[in-house]
Amino acid sequence: MKNKDNKISILYVDDEENNLFSFKATFRLKYKVYTAISGAVAIELVKRTPIDIIITDQRMPEMTGVEFLEEIIKVNPEPMRILLTGYTDMGAVIDAVNKGKIFHYLNKPWSEEELDQTIQRAYEVYAERKKILETYSKLEISNEQLEFLLRQKLLS
């Protein structure tokens, strides 16, 4: 988990307001929790807010959880994605897993402990990916600097 001032930011998307309140009440002290009542609202939030982990319900009107996650990848592919469903909609789950849209799938109603463990595991993977990208970026800069110095030396 990040330090106290810099909590893991989680976006929870569900069309049932009671579930949004319940999630926020459960996790607000441990994480920086954002909630959205629909995929469309969530997409706008992701455009303007740094989010580490997205948890979404599958069964929502207008846009399913999987459809929402497909759209989110276009906006920001970085956040880890977790799908919740209260139904045995295995077709959608298998589709989401196979296309790499989700990190994990959980049944509703969720257990606080299981969801918390999944969030922790998702964040470990997220942090590791970010570290690899930062290292790669630093290597690219170093390489460019070396090439520049080499060209300078060859020209002089």
N, C-alpha and C. Protein backbone atom coordinates (compact mmCIF):
# COMPACT_ATOMS: atom_id res chain seq x y z
N MET A 1 0.84 -1.19 0.00
CA MET A 1 0.00 0.00 0.00
C MET A 1 0.88 1.25 0.00
N LYS A 2 0.45 2.27 -0.69
CA LYS A 2 1.17 3.54 -0.69
C LYS A 2 1.17 4.10 0.72
N ASN A 3 1.98 5.12 0.98
CA ASN A 3 1.99 5.71 2.31
C ASN A 3 0.67 6.46 2.58
N LYS A 4 0.50 6.86 3.83
CA LYS A 4 -0.79 7.43 4.26
C LYS A 4 -1.25 8.64 3.44
N ASP A 5 -0.30 9.51 3.08
CA ASP A 5 -0.67 10.72 2.34
C ASP A 5 -1.00 10.41 0.89
N ASN A 6 -0.47 9.32 0.42
CA ASN A 6 -0.61 9.00 -1.00
C ASN A 6 -1.28 7.64 -1.16
N LYS A 7 -2.54 7.57 -0.78
CA LYS A 7 -3.28 6.30 -0.81
C LYS A 7 -3.51 5.81 -2.23
N ILE A 8 -3.69 4.50 -2.35
CA ILE A 8 -4.07 3.89 -3.63
C ILE A 8 -5.42 4.49 -4.02
N SER A 9 -5.55 4.93 -5.25
CA SER A 9 -6.83 5.51 -5.69
C SER A 9 -7.64 4.45 -6.44
N ILE A 10 -8.88 4.30 -5.99
CA ILE A 10 -9.76 3.28 -6.53
C ILE A 10 -11.05 3.93 -7.03
N LEU A 11 -11.46 3.51 -8.21
CA LEU A 11 -12.75 3.94 -8.75
C LEU A 11 -13.68 2.74 -8.73
N TYR A 12 -14.82 2.89 -8.04
CA TYR A 12 -15.82 1.83 -7.97
C TYR A 12 -17.04 2.26 -8.79
N VAL A 13 -17.42 1.44 -9.78
CA VAL A 13 -18.52 1.78 -10.68
C VAL A 13 -19.65 0.77 -10.49
N ASP A 14 -20.85 1.29 -10.18
CA ASP A 14 -22.01 0.42 -9.97
C ASP A 14 -23.26 1.27 -10.15
N ASP A 15 -24.28 0.71 -10.78
CA ASP A 15 -25.50 1.48 -11.01
C ASP A 15 -26.42 1.48 -9.78
N GLU A 16 -26.05 0.72 -8.75
CA GLU A 16 -26.86 0.70 -7.51
C GLU A 16 -26.18 1.58 -6.47
N GLU A 17 -26.87 2.67 -6.12
CA GLU A 17 -26.31 3.64 -5.19
C GLU A 17 -25.92 3.03 -3.85
N ASN A 18 -26.74 2.08 -3.35
CA ASN A 18 -26.43 1.43 -2.07
C ASN A 18 -25.07 0.74 -2.11
N ASN A 19 -24.74 0.12 -3.24
CA ASN A 19 -23.44 -0.54 -3.37
C ASN A 19 -22.30 0.47 -3.35
N LEU A 20 -22.52 1.64 -3.96
CA LEU A 20 -21.51 2.70 -3.95
C LEU A 20 -21.25 3.17 -2.52
N PHE A 21 -22.34 3.40 -1.77
CA PHE A 21 -22.21 3.84 -0.37
C PHE A 21 -21.50 2.78 0.45
N SER A 22 -21.87 1.53 0.26
CA SER A 22 -21.30 0.42 1.01
C SER A 22 -19.80 0.29 0.74
N PHE A 23 -19.42 0.38 -0.53
CA PHE A 23 -18.00 0.27 -0.89
C PHE A 23 -17.21 1.41 -0.26
N LYS A 24 -17.75 2.62 -0.40
CA LYS A 24 -17.05 3.80 0.13
C LYS A 24 -16.91 3.71 1.66
N ALA A 25 -17.98 3.29 2.33
CA ALA A 25 -17.95 3.16 3.79
C ALA A 25 -16.91 2.12 4.22
N THR A 26 -16.80 1.05 3.46
CA THR A 26 -15.89 -0.04 3.80
C THR A 26 -14.43 0.34 3.59
N PHE A 27 -14.13 1.03 2.50
CA PHE A 27 -12.72 1.22 2.11
C PHE A 27 -12.19 2.65 2.17
N ARG A 28 -13.03 3.63 2.54
CA ARG A 28 -12.61 5.04 2.45
C ARG A 28 -11.42 5.39 3.35
N LEU A 29 -11.26 4.69 4.47
CA LEU A 29 -10.14 5.01 5.36
C LEU A 29 -8.82 4.46 4.84
N LYS A 30 -8.88 3.34 4.15
CA LYS A 30 -7.67 2.66 3.67
C LYS A 30 -7.22 3.16 2.30
N TYR A 31 -8.20 3.52 1.46
CA TYR A 31 -7.90 3.92 0.08
C TYR A 31 -8.55 5.27 -0.24
N LYS A 32 -8.09 5.88 -1.33
CA LYS A 32 -8.74 7.08 -1.84
C LYS A 32 -9.82 6.58 -2.79
N VAL A 33 -11.08 6.65 -2.36
CA VAL A 33 -12.18 6.03 -3.10
C VAL A 33 -12.97 7.06 -3.91
N TYR A 34 -13.15 6.74 -5.19
CA TYR A 34 -14.03 7.50 -6.07
C TYR A 34 -15.14 6.54 -6.48
N THR A 35 -16.34 7.08 -6.68
CA THR A 35 -17.44 6.22 -7.13
C THR A 35 -18.13 6.87 -8.32
N ALA A 36 -18.74 6.01 -9.14
CA ALA A 36 -19.49 6.49 -10.30
C ALA A 36 -20.71 5.60 -10.48
N ILE A 37 -21.84 6.23 -10.81
CA ILE A 37 -23.12 5.53 -10.95
C ILE A 37 -23.31 4.90 -12.33
N SER A 38 -22.38 5.24 -13.28
CA SER A 38 -22.49 4.66 -14.63
C SER A 38 -21.12 4.68 -15.30
N GLY A 39 -21.02 3.90 -16.37
CA GLY A 39 -19.78 3.88 -17.14
C GLY A 39 -19.43 5.25 -17.71
N ALA A 40 -20.45 5.96 -18.19
CA ALA A 40 -20.22 7.29 -18.78
C ALA A 40 -19.64 8.26 -17.75
N VAL A 41 -20.20 8.27 -16.55
CA VAL A 41 -19.70 9.14 -15.47
C VAL A 41 -18.27 8.74 -15.11
N ALA A 42 -18.03 7.44 -15.06
CA ALA A 42 -16.70 6.93 -14.70
C ALA A 42 -15.65 7.33 -15.73
N ILE A 43 -15.99 7.26 -17.00
CA ILE A 43 -15.05 7.63 -18.07
C ILE A 43 -14.63 9.09 -17.91
N GLU A 44 -15.59 9.97 -17.64
CA GLU A 44 -15.27 11.39 -17.44
C GLU A 44 -14.34 11.58 -16.24
N LEU A 45 -14.59 10.82 -15.18
CA LEU A 45 -13.76 10.91 -13.97
C LEU A 45 -12.33 10.46 -14.27
N VAL A 46 -12.18 9.36 -15.00
CA VAL A 46 -10.84 8.83 -15.33
C VAL A 46 -10.07 9.82 -16.21
N LYS A 47 -10.77 10.56 -17.05
CA LYS A 47 -10.11 11.56 -17.91
C LYS A 47 -9.44 12.66 -17.10
N ARG A 48 -9.98 12.97 -15.93
CA ARG A 48 -9.43 14.11 -15.16
C ARG A 48 -8.83 13.74 -13.81
N THR A 49 -8.83 12.43 -13.45
CA THR A 49 -8.35 12.01 -12.14
C THR A 49 -7.41 10.81 -12.27
N PRO A 50 -6.25 10.86 -11.61
CA PRO A 50 -5.37 9.67 -11.64
C PRO A 50 -5.99 8.53 -10.83
N ILE A 51 -6.18 7.39 -11.48
CA ILE A 51 -6.80 6.23 -10.84
C ILE A 51 -5.84 5.04 -10.98
N ASP A 52 -5.64 4.32 -9.89
CA ASP A 52 -4.76 3.15 -9.91
C ASP A 52 -5.54 1.87 -10.24
N ILE A 53 -6.73 1.74 -9.63
CA ILE A 53 -7.51 0.51 -9.77
C ILE A 53 -8.97 0.85 -10.04
N ILE A 54 -9.56 0.13 -11.01
CA ILE A 54 -10.98 0.32 -11.32
C ILE A 54 -11.71 -0.97 -11.01
N ILE A 55 -12.78 -0.86 -10.25
CA ILE A 55 -13.63 -2.01 -9.94
C ILE A 55 -15.01 -1.68 -10.48
N THR A 56 -15.55 -2.57 -11.32
CA THR A 56 -16.85 -2.28 -11.90
C THR A 56 -17.79 -3.48 -11.84
N ASP A 57 -19.06 -3.16 -11.68
CA ASP A 57 -20.10 -4.17 -11.76
C ASP A 57 -20.28 -4.51 -13.23
N GLN A 58 -20.64 -5.75 -13.53
CA GLN A 58 -20.87 -6.14 -14.93
C GLN A 58 -22.23 -5.69 -15.41
N ARG A 59 -23.28 -5.96 -14.63
CA ARG A 59 -24.65 -5.70 -15.06
C ARG A 59 -25.06 -4.27 -14.75
N MET A 60 -24.98 -3.42 -15.77
CA MET A 60 -25.42 -2.04 -15.62
C MET A 60 -26.19 -1.66 -16.88
N PRO A 61 -27.18 -0.77 -16.76
CA PRO A 61 -27.92 -0.33 -17.96
C PRO A 61 -27.01 0.54 -18.83
N GLU A 62 -27.31 0.63 -20.08
CA GLU A 62 -26.58 1.42 -21.08
C GLU A 62 -25.21 0.86 -21.45
N MET A 63 -24.39 0.51 -20.46
CA MET A 63 -23.04 0.02 -20.73
C MET A 63 -22.69 -1.04 -19.70
N THR A 64 -22.37 -2.26 -20.15
CA THR A 64 -21.97 -3.31 -19.20
C THR A 64 -20.59 -2.99 -18.66
N GLY A 65 -20.20 -3.71 -17.61
CA GLY A 65 -18.86 -3.53 -17.05
C GLY A 65 -17.78 -3.79 -18.07
N VAL A 66 -17.93 -4.86 -18.85
CA VAL A 66 -16.93 -5.21 -19.87
C VAL A 66 -16.85 -4.11 -20.94
N GLU A 67 -18.01 -3.62 -21.40
CA GLU A 67 -18.02 -2.53 -22.40
C GLU A 67 -17.34 -1.28 -21.83
N PHE A 68 -17.63 -0.99 -20.56
CA PHE A 68 -17.01 0.17 -19.90
C PHE A 68 -15.49 0.00 -19.86
N LEU A 69 -15.02 -1.20 -19.51
CA LEU A 69 -13.58 -1.44 -19.43
C LEU A 69 -12.92 -1.35 -20.80
N GLU A 70 -13.63 -1.76 -21.86
CA GLU A 70 -13.11 -1.61 -23.22
C GLU A 70 -12.90 -0.13 -23.54
N GLU A 71 -13.86 0.70 -23.12
CA GLU A 71 -13.76 2.15 -23.36
C GLU A 71 -12.64 2.77 -22.53
N ILE A 72 -12.50 2.33 -21.29
CA ILE A 72 -11.48 2.87 -20.39
C ILE A 72 -10.09 2.65 -20.94
N ILE A 73 -9.86 1.48 -21.55
CA ILE A 73 -8.54 1.19 -22.12
C ILE A 73 -8.16 2.26 -23.14
N LYS A 74 -9.14 2.77 -23.89
CA LYS A 74 -8.88 3.83 -24.88
C LYS A 74 -8.53 5.15 -24.20
N VAL A 75 -9.13 5.39 -23.03
CA VAL A 75 -8.90 6.64 -22.30
C VAL A 75 -7.59 6.57 -21.52
N ASN A 76 -7.41 5.46 -20.78
CA ASN A 76 -6.21 5.25 -19.98
C ASN A 76 -6.05 3.75 -19.70
N PRO A 77 -5.10 3.11 -20.37
CA PRO A 77 -4.95 1.67 -20.20
C PRO A 77 -4.23 1.26 -18.91
N GLU A 78 -3.68 2.22 -18.17
CA GLU A 78 -2.86 1.89 -17.01
C GLU A 78 -3.59 1.30 -15.80
N PRO A 79 -4.75 1.83 -15.39
CA PRO A 79 -5.35 1.29 -14.16
C PRO A 79 -5.65 -0.21 -14.26
N MET A 80 -5.45 -0.90 -13.14
CA MET A 80 -5.79 -2.32 -13.07
C MET A 80 -7.31 -2.41 -13.04
N ARG A 81 -7.84 -3.45 -13.67
CA ARG A 81 -9.29 -3.55 -13.83
C ARG A 81 -9.84 -4.82 -13.18
N ILE A 82 -10.85 -4.65 -12.33
CA ILE A 82 -11.48 -5.76 -11.62
C ILE A 82 -12.97 -5.75 -11.94
N LEU A 83 -13.50 -6.91 -12.30
CA LEU A 83 -14.91 -7.03 -12.67
C LEU A 83 -15.68 -7.77 -11.58
N LEU A 84 -16.83 -7.19 -11.19
CA LEU A 84 -17.72 -7.82 -10.22
C LEU A 84 -19.02 -8.20 -10.91
N THR A 85 -19.55 -9.36 -10.58
CA THR A 85 -20.86 -9.68 -11.11
C THR A 85 -21.62 -10.56 -10.14
N GLY A 86 -22.89 -10.28 -10.02
CA GLY A 86 -23.76 -11.05 -9.16
C GLY A 86 -24.42 -12.18 -9.91
N TYR A 87 -24.12 -12.27 -11.18
CA TYR A 87 -24.74 -13.27 -12.04
C TYR A 87 -23.66 -14.16 -12.61
N THR A 88 -24.04 -15.35 -13.00
CA THR A 88 -23.06 -16.25 -13.61
C THR A 88 -23.03 -15.95 -15.10
N ASP A 89 -22.49 -14.80 -15.41
CA ASP A 89 -22.39 -14.35 -16.79
C ASP A 89 -20.99 -14.73 -17.29
N MET A 90 -20.72 -16.03 -17.32
CA MET A 90 -19.38 -16.51 -17.62
C MET A 90 -18.90 -16.12 -19.02
N GLY A 91 -19.82 -16.00 -19.96
CA GLY A 91 -19.43 -15.58 -21.31
C GLY A 91 -18.72 -14.25 -21.28
N ALA A 92 -19.32 -13.29 -20.58
CA ALA A 92 -18.74 -11.94 -20.49
C ALA A 92 -17.42 -11.96 -19.72
N VAL A 93 -17.37 -12.76 -18.67
CA VAL A 93 -16.16 -12.83 -17.85
C VAL A 93 -15.01 -13.44 -18.66
N ILE A 94 -15.28 -14.55 -19.34
CA ILE A 94 -14.26 -15.21 -20.14
C ILE A 94 -13.77 -14.27 -21.24
N ASP A 95 -14.70 -13.58 -21.87
CA ASP A 95 -14.37 -12.61 -22.92
C ASP A 95 -13.44 -11.53 -22.36
N ALA A 96 -13.79 -11.00 -21.19
CA ALA A 96 -13.00 -9.93 -20.57
C ALA A 96 -11.60 -10.41 -20.20
N VAL A 97 -11.52 -11.62 -19.67
CA VAL A 97 -10.21 -12.17 -19.28
C VAL A 97 -9.37 -12.43 -20.52
N ASN A 98 -9.95 -13.08 -21.51
CA ASN A 98 -9.20 -13.44 -22.71
C ASN A 98 -8.71 -12.23 -23.49
N LYS A 99 -9.44 -11.17 -23.47
CA LYS A 99 -9.03 -9.96 -24.21
C LYS A 99 -8.14 -9.07 -23.35
N GLY A 100 -7.80 -9.53 -22.16
CA GLY A 100 -6.87 -8.80 -21.31
C GLY A 100 -7.44 -7.54 -20.70
N LYS A 101 -8.75 -7.47 -20.63
CA LYS A 101 -9.35 -6.24 -20.10
C LYS A 101 -9.39 -6.22 -18.58
N ILE A 102 -9.35 -7.42 -17.96
CA ILE A 102 -9.46 -7.42 -16.50
C ILE A 102 -8.30 -8.16 -15.84
N PHE A 103 -7.98 -7.72 -14.65
CA PHE A 103 -6.95 -8.34 -13.83
C PHE A 103 -7.57 -9.49 -13.03
N HIS A 104 -8.79 -9.28 -12.57
CA HIS A 104 -9.43 -10.27 -11.70
C HIS A 104 -10.95 -10.15 -11.79
N TYR A 105 -11.60 -11.24 -11.46
CA TYR A 105 -13.06 -11.31 -11.47
C TYR A 105 -13.53 -11.79 -10.10
N LEU A 106 -14.53 -11.12 -9.54
CA LEU A 106 -15.09 -11.52 -8.24
C LEU A 106 -16.61 -11.58 -8.32
N ASN A 107 -17.18 -12.45 -7.51
CA ASN A 107 -18.63 -12.55 -7.41
C ASN A 107 -19.20 -11.50 -6.47
N LYS A 108 -20.41 -11.05 -6.76
CA LYS A 108 -21.16 -10.21 -5.83
C LYS A 108 -22.13 -11.12 -5.10
N PRO A 109 -22.48 -10.84 -3.87
CA PRO A 109 -21.91 -9.76 -3.06
C PRO A 109 -20.46 -10.06 -2.71
N TRP A 110 -19.62 -9.04 -2.75
CA TRP A 110 -18.20 -9.23 -2.47
C TRP A 110 -17.94 -9.37 -0.98
N SER A 111 -16.87 -10.11 -0.69
CA SER A 111 -16.42 -10.22 0.70
C SER A 111 -15.34 -9.15 0.87
N GLU A 112 -15.42 -8.41 1.96
CA GLU A 112 -14.47 -7.31 2.20
C GLU A 112 -13.03 -7.82 2.15
N GLU A 113 -12.77 -8.94 2.79
CA GLU A 113 -11.42 -9.47 2.86
C GLU A 113 -10.91 -9.89 1.48
N GLU A 114 -11.73 -10.59 0.73
CA GLU A 114 -11.32 -11.05 -0.60
C GLU A 114 -11.09 -9.86 -1.54
N LEU A 115 -11.97 -8.88 -1.47
CA LEU A 115 -11.83 -7.70 -2.33
C LEU A 115 -10.58 -6.92 -1.95
N ASP A 116 -10.33 -6.78 -0.65
CA ASP A 116 -9.16 -6.06 -0.17
C ASP A 116 -7.88 -6.76 -0.64
N GLN A 117 -7.84 -8.08 -0.54
CA GLN A 117 -6.66 -8.84 -1.00
C GLN A 117 -6.46 -8.67 -2.50
N THR A 118 -7.55 -8.67 -3.24
CA THR A 118 -7.48 -8.49 -4.70
C THR A 118 -6.95 -7.10 -5.03
N ILE A 119 -7.41 -6.09 -4.31
CA ILE A 119 -6.93 -4.71 -4.51
C ILE A 119 -5.42 -4.66 -4.25
N GLN A 120 -4.98 -5.28 -3.16
CA GLN A 120 -3.55 -5.27 -2.83
C GLN A 120 -2.71 -5.95 -3.92
N ARG A 121 -3.17 -7.10 -4.39
CA ARG A 121 -2.45 -7.83 -5.46
C ARG A 121 -2.43 -7.01 -6.75
N ALA A 122 -3.57 -6.42 -7.08
CA ALA A 122 -3.67 -5.59 -8.29
C ALA A 122 -2.70 -4.42 -8.19
N TYR A 123 -2.61 -3.81 -7.02
CA TYR A 123 -1.72 -2.65 -6.87
C TYR A 123 -0.26 -3.07 -6.98
N GLU A 124 0.09 -4.25 -6.46
CA GLU A 124 1.48 -4.73 -6.59
C GLU A 124 1.85 -4.86 -8.07
N VAL A 125 0.96 -5.43 -8.86
CA VAL A 125 1.22 -5.58 -10.30
C VAL A 125 1.30 -4.20 -10.96
N TYR A 126 0.37 -3.31 -10.59
CA TYR A 126 0.33 -1.95 -11.14
C TYR A 126 1.65 -1.22 -10.84
N ALA A 127 2.09 -1.29 -9.59
CA ALA A 127 3.32 -0.60 -9.17
C ALA A 127 4.54 -1.17 -9.89
N GLU A 128 4.57 -2.50 -10.05
CA GLU A 128 5.68 -3.15 -10.75
C GLU A 128 5.73 -2.71 -12.21
N ARG A 129 4.56 -2.65 -12.86
CA ARG A 129 4.49 -2.20 -14.26
C ARG A 129 5.00 -0.77 -14.39
N LYS A 130 4.59 0.10 -13.46
CA LYS A 130 5.02 1.50 -13.50
C LYS A 130 6.54 1.60 -13.33
N LYS A 131 7.08 0.79 -12.43
CA LYS A 131 8.52 0.79 -12.17
C LYS A 131 9.28 0.37 -13.43
N ILE A 132 8.81 -0.67 -14.11
CA ILE A 132 9.45 -1.14 -15.34
C ILE A 132 9.41 -0.05 -16.41
N LEU A 133 8.24 0.61 -16.55
CA LEU A 133 8.12 1.69 -17.55
C LEU A 133 9.04 2.85 -17.24
N GLU A 134 9.17 3.21 -15.95
CA GLU A 134 10.06 4.32 -15.56
C GLU A 134 11.51 3.96 -15.85
N THR A 135 11.89 2.71 -15.52
CA THR A 135 13.26 2.25 -15.78
C THR A 135 13.54 2.29 -17.27
N TYR A 136 12.61 1.80 -18.07
CA TYR A 136 12.75 1.81 -19.52
C TYR A 136 12.92 3.24 -20.05
N SER A 137 12.11 4.15 -19.51
CA SER A 137 12.16 5.55 -19.92
C SER A 137 13.53 6.15 -19.59
N LYS A 138 14.06 5.86 -18.39
CA LYS A 138 15.38 6.38 -18.00
C LYS A 138 16.47 5.80 -18.90
N LEU A 139 16.35 4.52 -19.25
CA LEU A 139 17.32 3.89 -20.14
C LEU A 139 17.29 4.54 -21.52
N GLU A 140 16.10 4.84 -22.01
CA GLU A 140 15.97 5.51 -23.31
C GLU A 140 16.67 6.86 -23.31
N ILE A 141 16.48 7.64 -22.22
CA ILE A 141 17.11 8.96 -22.10
C ILE A 141 18.63 8.81 -22.06
N SER A 142 19.11 7.85 -21.24
CA SER A 142 20.56 7.62 -21.14
C SER A 142 21.13 7.23 -22.50
N ASN A 143 20.43 6.39 -23.21
CA ASN A 143 20.87 5.94 -24.53
C ASN A 143 20.96 7.12 -25.50
N GLU A 144 19.93 7.98 -25.47
CA GLU A 144 19.94 9.17 -26.34
C GLU A 144 21.12 10.07 -26.00
N GLN A 145 21.40 10.23 -24.69
CA GLN A 145 22.51 11.08 -24.27
C GLN A 145 23.84 10.49 -24.74
N LEU A 146 23.98 9.18 -24.62
CA LEU A 146 25.22 8.52 -25.08
C LEU A 146 25.40 8.67 -26.58
N GLU A 147 24.31 8.48 -27.33
CA GLU A 147 24.38 8.64 -28.78
C GLU A 147 24.78 10.06 -29.15
N PHE A 148 24.24 11.04 -28.43
CA PHE A 148 24.57 12.44 -28.68
C PHE A 148 26.06 12.68 -28.43
N LEU A 149 26.57 12.18 -27.28
CA LEU A 149 27.99 12.36 -26.95
C LEU A 149 28.89 11.68 -27.98
N LEU A 150 28.45 10.50 -28.42
CA LEU A 150 29.23 9.78 -29.42
C LEU A 150 29.28 10.55 -30.73
N ARG A 151 28.14 11.10 -31.13
CA ARG A 151 28.10 11.90 -32.39
C ARG A 151 28.99 13.14 -32.24
N GLN A 152 28.95 13.78 -31.06
CA GLN A 152 29.77 14.97 -30.82
C GLN A 152 31.27 14.62 -30.97
N LYS A 153 31.62 13.47 -30.40
CA LYS A 153 33.01 13.03 -30.43
C LYS A 153 33.44 12.71 -31.87
N LEU A 154 32.53 12.08 -32.61
CA LEU A 154 32.85 11.70 -33.99
C LEU A 154 32.96 12.94 -34.89
N LEU A 155 32.22 13.99 -34.56
CA LEU A 155 32.25 15.19 -35.37
C LEU A 155 33.47 16.07 -35.08
N SER A 156 33.99 15.99 -33.87
CA SER A 156 35.09 16.89 -33.52
C SER A 156 36.45 16.41 -33.97
